[in-house]
């Protein structure tokens, strides 16, 4: 589960977190019928973030989780308010557009960083059993 997909330099669990992080950002621009599915994506995002933190969170995923954390309150508050019977409030498009672009930019830096700075796996370092000192003596 932690092995990287060839070409993407990301594990399948990181790809799930990445795709589910885009859903809260897109929630503002979805039709009302599609917005409740954002809660499913948010649950998948939280679960994948928990599993990633247990397995080992790479620094390349921090901007992805930060962008999703910024977008989640704005995506989930209209859905939760709608269930209580109160009218939902949505931001106008002109302040929501820069916020959505900033969150998408943060989320996009994760795969770019994973591609640009891959974690290379090296085998065990093989050293000679005896090390030669400067004066020609051997030390073990």
Foldseek 3Di string as FASTA:
>chain_A
DQDADPPQLGDPLLVLLLVLLLLLLCLLVDDPVPLVCNVVSVVSNVVSVVVCVVVDPDPLCVLSVVLSVQSVVLSCPQVVCVVVVHHGDHDDPVVSVVSSVVSVVSSVSSSVCSNVPHDDDDDDDDDDPWDADPVGDTDD
